[in-house]
Amino acid sequence: MERITTPCINFCWIEPGEDICEGCGRTRAEVAQWCFISEDERRAIMPALKDRLAKWKADRAAKQETVP
């Protein structure tokens, strides 16, 4: 059996009401479907994860700064 490519860092956490895993940057749907999509689809998603996660963290930090 061939091993699948994964961005998982064994820290899986998705805040309630959010859609991004804080460990790898995948969406809930991507995490759920990862084993079922093709290797080509996985490789197409992976380059965007680092930037997606950084943007999500920056947006979350900005929201927390505006909360009184």
N, C-alpha and C. Protein backbone atom coordinates (compact mmCIF):
# COMPACT_ATOMS: atom_id res chain seq x y z
N MET A 1 0.84 -1.18 0.00
CA MET A 1 0.00 0.00 0.00
C MET A 1 0.88 1.25 0.00
N GLU A 2 0.56 2.18 -0.88
CA GLU A 2 1.34 3.40 -1.00
C GLU A 2 0.96 4.40 0.09
N ARG A 3 1.95 5.02 0.67
CA ARG A 3 1.72 6.02 1.71
C ARG A 3 1.24 7.32 1.06
N ILE A 4 0.22 7.96 1.65
CA ILE A 4 -0.29 9.19 1.05
C ILE A 4 0.46 10.41 1.58
N THR A 5 0.53 11.42 0.75
CA THR A 5 1.13 12.69 1.14
C THR A 5 0.18 13.41 2.06
N THR A 6 0.71 13.94 3.17
CA THR A 6 -0.14 14.64 4.12
C THR A 6 0.63 15.79 4.77
N PRO A 7 -0.08 16.89 5.06
CA PRO A 7 0.55 18.00 5.76
C PRO A 7 0.39 17.88 7.28
N CYS A 8 -0.23 16.81 7.73
CA CYS A 8 -0.53 16.64 9.15
C CYS A 8 0.75 16.68 9.99
N ILE A 9 0.69 17.45 11.08
CA ILE A 9 1.82 17.53 12.01
C ILE A 9 1.45 16.92 13.37
N ASN A 10 0.36 16.15 13.38
CA ASN A 10 -0.13 15.48 14.58
C ASN A 10 -0.57 16.46 15.67
N PHE A 11 -1.01 17.62 15.24
CA PHE A 11 -1.65 18.58 16.12
C PHE A 11 -2.92 19.03 15.40
N CYS A 12 -4.00 18.31 15.66
CA CYS A 12 -5.26 18.59 14.98
C CYS A 12 -6.19 19.32 15.93
N TRP A 13 -6.53 20.55 15.57
CA TRP A 13 -7.43 21.33 16.40
C TRP A 13 -8.18 22.30 15.51
N ILE A 14 -9.49 22.19 15.53
CA ILE A 14 -10.35 23.13 14.82
C ILE A 14 -11.28 23.74 15.84
N GLU A 15 -11.12 25.04 16.07
CA GLU A 15 -11.95 25.75 17.05
C GLU A 15 -13.42 25.65 16.67
N PRO A 16 -14.30 25.54 17.65
CA PRO A 16 -15.74 25.58 17.35
C PRO A 16 -16.07 26.86 16.59
N GLY A 17 -16.82 26.73 15.53
CA GLY A 17 -17.20 27.89 14.73
C GLY A 17 -16.18 28.28 13.68
N GLU A 18 -15.05 27.60 13.65
CA GLU A 18 -14.01 27.89 12.66
C GLU A 18 -13.96 26.74 11.65
N ASP A 19 -13.14 26.91 10.61
CA ASP A 19 -13.09 25.90 9.56
C ASP A 19 -11.67 25.47 9.22
N ILE A 20 -10.68 25.93 9.97
CA ILE A 20 -9.28 25.66 9.65
C ILE A 20 -8.59 24.89 10.78
N CYS A 21 -7.88 23.82 10.43
CA CYS A 21 -7.08 23.10 11.41
C CYS A 21 -5.88 23.96 11.77
N GLU A 22 -5.70 24.19 13.07
CA GLU A 22 -4.57 25.02 13.52
C GLU A 22 -3.23 24.35 13.34
N GLY A 23 -3.21 23.07 13.11
CA GLY A 23 -1.95 22.36 12.91
C GLY A 23 -1.46 22.41 11.48
N CYS A 24 -2.35 22.14 10.53
CA CYS A 24 -1.90 22.01 9.14
C CYS A 24 -2.51 23.02 8.17
N GLY A 25 -3.60 23.67 8.55
CA GLY A 25 -4.21 24.66 7.68
C GLY A 25 -5.28 24.12 6.75
N ARG A 26 -5.56 22.83 6.84
CA ARG A 26 -6.62 22.29 5.99
C ARG A 26 -7.99 22.67 6.55
N THR A 27 -8.98 22.71 5.66
CA THR A 27 -10.35 22.95 6.10
C THR A 27 -10.92 21.65 6.67
N ARG A 28 -12.04 21.77 7.37
CA ARG A 28 -12.72 20.56 7.89
C ARG A 28 -12.98 19.57 6.75
N ALA A 29 -13.49 20.09 5.64
CA ALA A 29 -13.82 19.22 4.50
C ALA A 29 -12.57 18.53 3.95
N GLU A 30 -11.47 19.27 3.85
CA GLU A 30 -10.23 18.67 3.35
C GLU A 30 -9.73 17.58 4.28
N VAL A 31 -9.78 17.82 5.59
CA VAL A 31 -9.36 16.80 6.55
C VAL A 31 -10.22 15.55 6.39
N ALA A 32 -11.53 15.75 6.30
CA ALA A 32 -12.46 14.62 6.21
C ALA A 32 -12.27 13.83 4.92
N GLN A 33 -11.93 14.50 3.83
CA GLN A 33 -11.83 13.83 2.53
C GLN A 33 -10.42 13.42 2.14
N TRP A 34 -9.43 13.77 2.94
CA TRP A 34 -8.03 13.60 2.55
C TRP A 34 -7.70 12.19 2.07
N CYS A 35 -8.19 11.19 2.74
CA CYS A 35 -7.89 9.79 2.36
C CYS A 35 -8.61 9.35 1.10
N PHE A 36 -9.58 10.14 0.68
CA PHE A 36 -10.41 9.74 -0.46
C PHE A 36 -10.11 10.51 -1.74
N ILE A 37 -9.32 11.59 -1.65
CA ILE A 37 -8.99 12.34 -2.85
C ILE A 37 -7.68 11.80 -3.43
N SER A 38 -7.44 12.14 -4.68
CA SER A 38 -6.25 11.61 -5.36
C SER A 38 -4.98 12.29 -4.87
N GLU A 39 -3.87 11.64 -5.12
CA GLU A 39 -2.57 12.21 -4.77
C GLU A 39 -2.37 13.55 -5.49
N ASP A 40 -2.82 13.64 -6.73
CA ASP A 40 -2.71 14.90 -7.47
C ASP A 40 -3.51 16.01 -6.80
N GLU A 41 -4.71 15.68 -6.32
CA GLU A 41 -5.52 16.68 -5.61
C GLU A 41 -4.84 17.12 -4.32
N ARG A 42 -4.28 16.17 -3.58
CA ARG A 42 -3.57 16.51 -2.34
C ARG A 42 -2.39 17.43 -2.63
N ARG A 43 -1.61 17.07 -3.64
CA ARG A 43 -0.44 17.89 -4.00
C ARG A 43 -0.85 19.28 -4.48
N ALA A 44 -2.03 19.43 -5.04
CA ALA A 44 -2.52 20.74 -5.49
C ALA A 44 -2.92 21.61 -4.31
N ILE A 45 -3.43 21.01 -3.26
CA ILE A 45 -3.89 21.74 -2.07
C ILE A 45 -2.71 22.17 -1.20
N MET A 46 -1.73 21.32 -1.04
CA MET A 46 -0.67 21.53 -0.05
C MET A 46 0.11 22.84 -0.18
N PRO A 47 0.44 23.34 -1.36
CA PRO A 47 1.21 24.58 -1.42
C PRO A 47 0.51 25.80 -0.80
N ALA A 48 -0.81 25.79 -0.78
CA ALA A 48 -1.57 26.93 -0.24
C ALA A 48 -1.73 26.89 1.27
N LEU A 49 -1.45 25.76 1.90
CA LEU A 49 -1.77 25.60 3.32
C LEU A 49 -1.01 26.54 4.24
N LYS A 50 0.27 26.73 4.01
CA LYS A 50 1.06 27.59 4.89
C LYS A 50 0.54 29.02 4.88
N ASP A 51 0.28 29.56 3.68
CA ASP A 51 -0.25 30.92 3.58
C ASP A 51 -1.66 31.01 4.13
N ARG A 52 -2.48 29.99 3.88
CA ARG A 52 -3.85 29.97 4.39
C ARG A 52 -3.84 30.02 5.92
N LEU A 53 -2.99 29.21 6.53
CA LEU A 53 -2.92 29.15 7.99
C LEU A 53 -2.40 30.47 8.56
N ALA A 54 -1.41 31.06 7.92
CA ALA A 54 -0.88 32.34 8.38
C ALA A 54 -1.94 33.43 8.30
N LYS A 55 -2.70 33.47 7.21
CA LYS A 55 -3.77 34.46 7.06
C LYS A 55 -4.84 34.24 8.11
N TRP A 56 -5.22 32.98 8.32
CA TRP A 56 -6.24 32.68 9.32
C TRP A 56 -5.79 33.14 10.71
N LYS A 57 -4.55 32.87 11.06
CA LYS A 57 -4.03 33.28 12.37
C LYS A 57 -3.99 34.80 12.49
N ALA A 58 -3.59 35.49 11.44
CA ALA A 58 -3.56 36.96 11.47
C ALA A 58 -4.97 37.53 11.61
N ASP A 59 -5.92 36.97 10.88
CA ASP A 59 -7.31 37.42 10.98
C ASP A 59 -7.86 37.18 12.38
N ARG A 60 -7.54 36.03 12.95
CA ARG A 60 -8.01 35.71 14.30
C ARG A 60 -7.40 36.66 15.33
N ALA A 61 -6.13 36.97 15.19
CA ALA A 61 -5.47 37.90 16.09
C ALA A 61 -6.08 39.28 15.98
N ALA A 62 -6.39 39.72 14.76
CA ALA A 62 -6.99 41.03 14.56
C ALA A 62 -8.38 41.09 15.21
N LYS A 63 -9.14 40.01 15.09
CA LYS A 63 -10.47 39.95 15.74
C LYS A 63 -10.34 40.06 17.24
N GLN A 64 -9.35 39.39 17.82
CA GLN A 64 -9.17 39.41 19.27
C GLN A 64 -8.75 40.78 19.75
N GLU A 65 -8.03 41.53 18.93
CA GLU A 65 -7.61 42.88 19.31
C GLU A 65 -8.79 43.85 19.35
N THR A 66 -9.83 43.58 18.56
CA THR A 66 -10.97 44.47 18.51
C THR A 66 -12.04 44.14 19.53
N VAL A 67 -11.91 43.02 20.22
CA VAL A 67 -12.89 42.64 21.24
C VAL A 67 -12.61 43.44 22.50
N PRO A 68 -13.65 44.17 23.00
CA PRO A 68 -13.44 44.99 24.22
C PRO A 68 -13.22 44.18 25.47
